[in-house]
């Protein structure tokens, strides 16, 4: 299924989550310089996860 990886203004459209570019995208942008609050936890959201 098609997916789009996104990280604070950066996007990478992919045909599937198996695309090897996804790992590189995450490696590059996880807590990267574009992150507005580096080191902040991803907790405290609203609602329940889906899927």
Protein backbone atom coordinates (compact mmCIF):
# COMPACT_ATOMS: atom_id res chain seq x y z
CA UNK A 1 0.00 0.00 0.00
CA UNK A 2 1.27 3.51 -0.69
CA UNK A 3 2.69 5.42 2.27
CA UNK A 4 4.15 8.87 2.86
CA UNK A 5 6.86 9.34 5.46
CA UNK A 6 6.87 12.84 6.93
CA UNK A 7 9.05 14.71 9.38
CA UNK A 8 8.34 18.39 10.05
CA UNK A 9 8.11 19.64 6.50
CA UNK A 10 9.96 16.79 4.83
CA UNK A 11 8.01 14.14 2.93
CA UNK A 12 8.90 10.99 1.06
CA UNK A 13 6.14 9.26 -0.94
CA UNK A 14 6.70 5.51 -1.22
CA UNK A 15 4.91 2.64 -2.90
CA UNK A 16 5.13 0.53 0.27
CA UNK A 17 6.62 0.46 3.76
CA UNK A 18 9.07 -2.16 2.49
CA UNK A 19 10.90 0.46 0.41
CA UNK A 20 14.49 0.63 1.74
CA UNK A 21 14.42 4.43 1.50
CA UNK A 22 12.05 4.49 4.49
CA UNK A 23 14.76 3.34 6.90
CA UNK A 24 17.14 5.97 5.56
CA UNK A 25 14.47 8.66 5.88
CA UNK A 26 13.84 7.74 9.51
CA UNK A 27 17.57 7.54 10.22
CA UNK A 28 18.09 10.98 8.69
CA UNK A 29 15.16 12.87 10.15
CA UNK A 30 14.43 11.25 13.54
CA UNK A 31 15.31 13.99 16.02
CA UNK A 32 17.00 15.84 13.15
CA UNK A 33 17.76 19.54 12.88
CA UNK A 34 14.26 20.24 11.49
CA UNK A 35 12.69 19.01 14.75
CA UNK A 36 11.08 21.96 16.57
CA UNK A 37 11.67 20.45 20.03
CA UNK A 38 14.67 18.10 19.85
CA UNK A 39 14.53 15.41 22.51
CA UNK A 40 10.88 16.03 23.37
CA UNK A 41 8.90 12.83 23.96
CA UNK A 42 6.08 11.83 21.63
CA UNK A 43 3.61 11.38 24.46
CA UNK A 44 0.52 13.16 25.68
CA UNK A 45 -1.38 12.97 22.41
CA UNK A 46 -5.15 12.85 22.19
CA UNK A 47 -7.21 9.85 21.14
CA UNK A 48 -6.34 6.22 20.61
CA UNK A 49 -3.98 4.73 18.02
CA UNK A 50 -5.69 3.21 15.00
CA UNK A 51 -4.60 -0.03 13.39
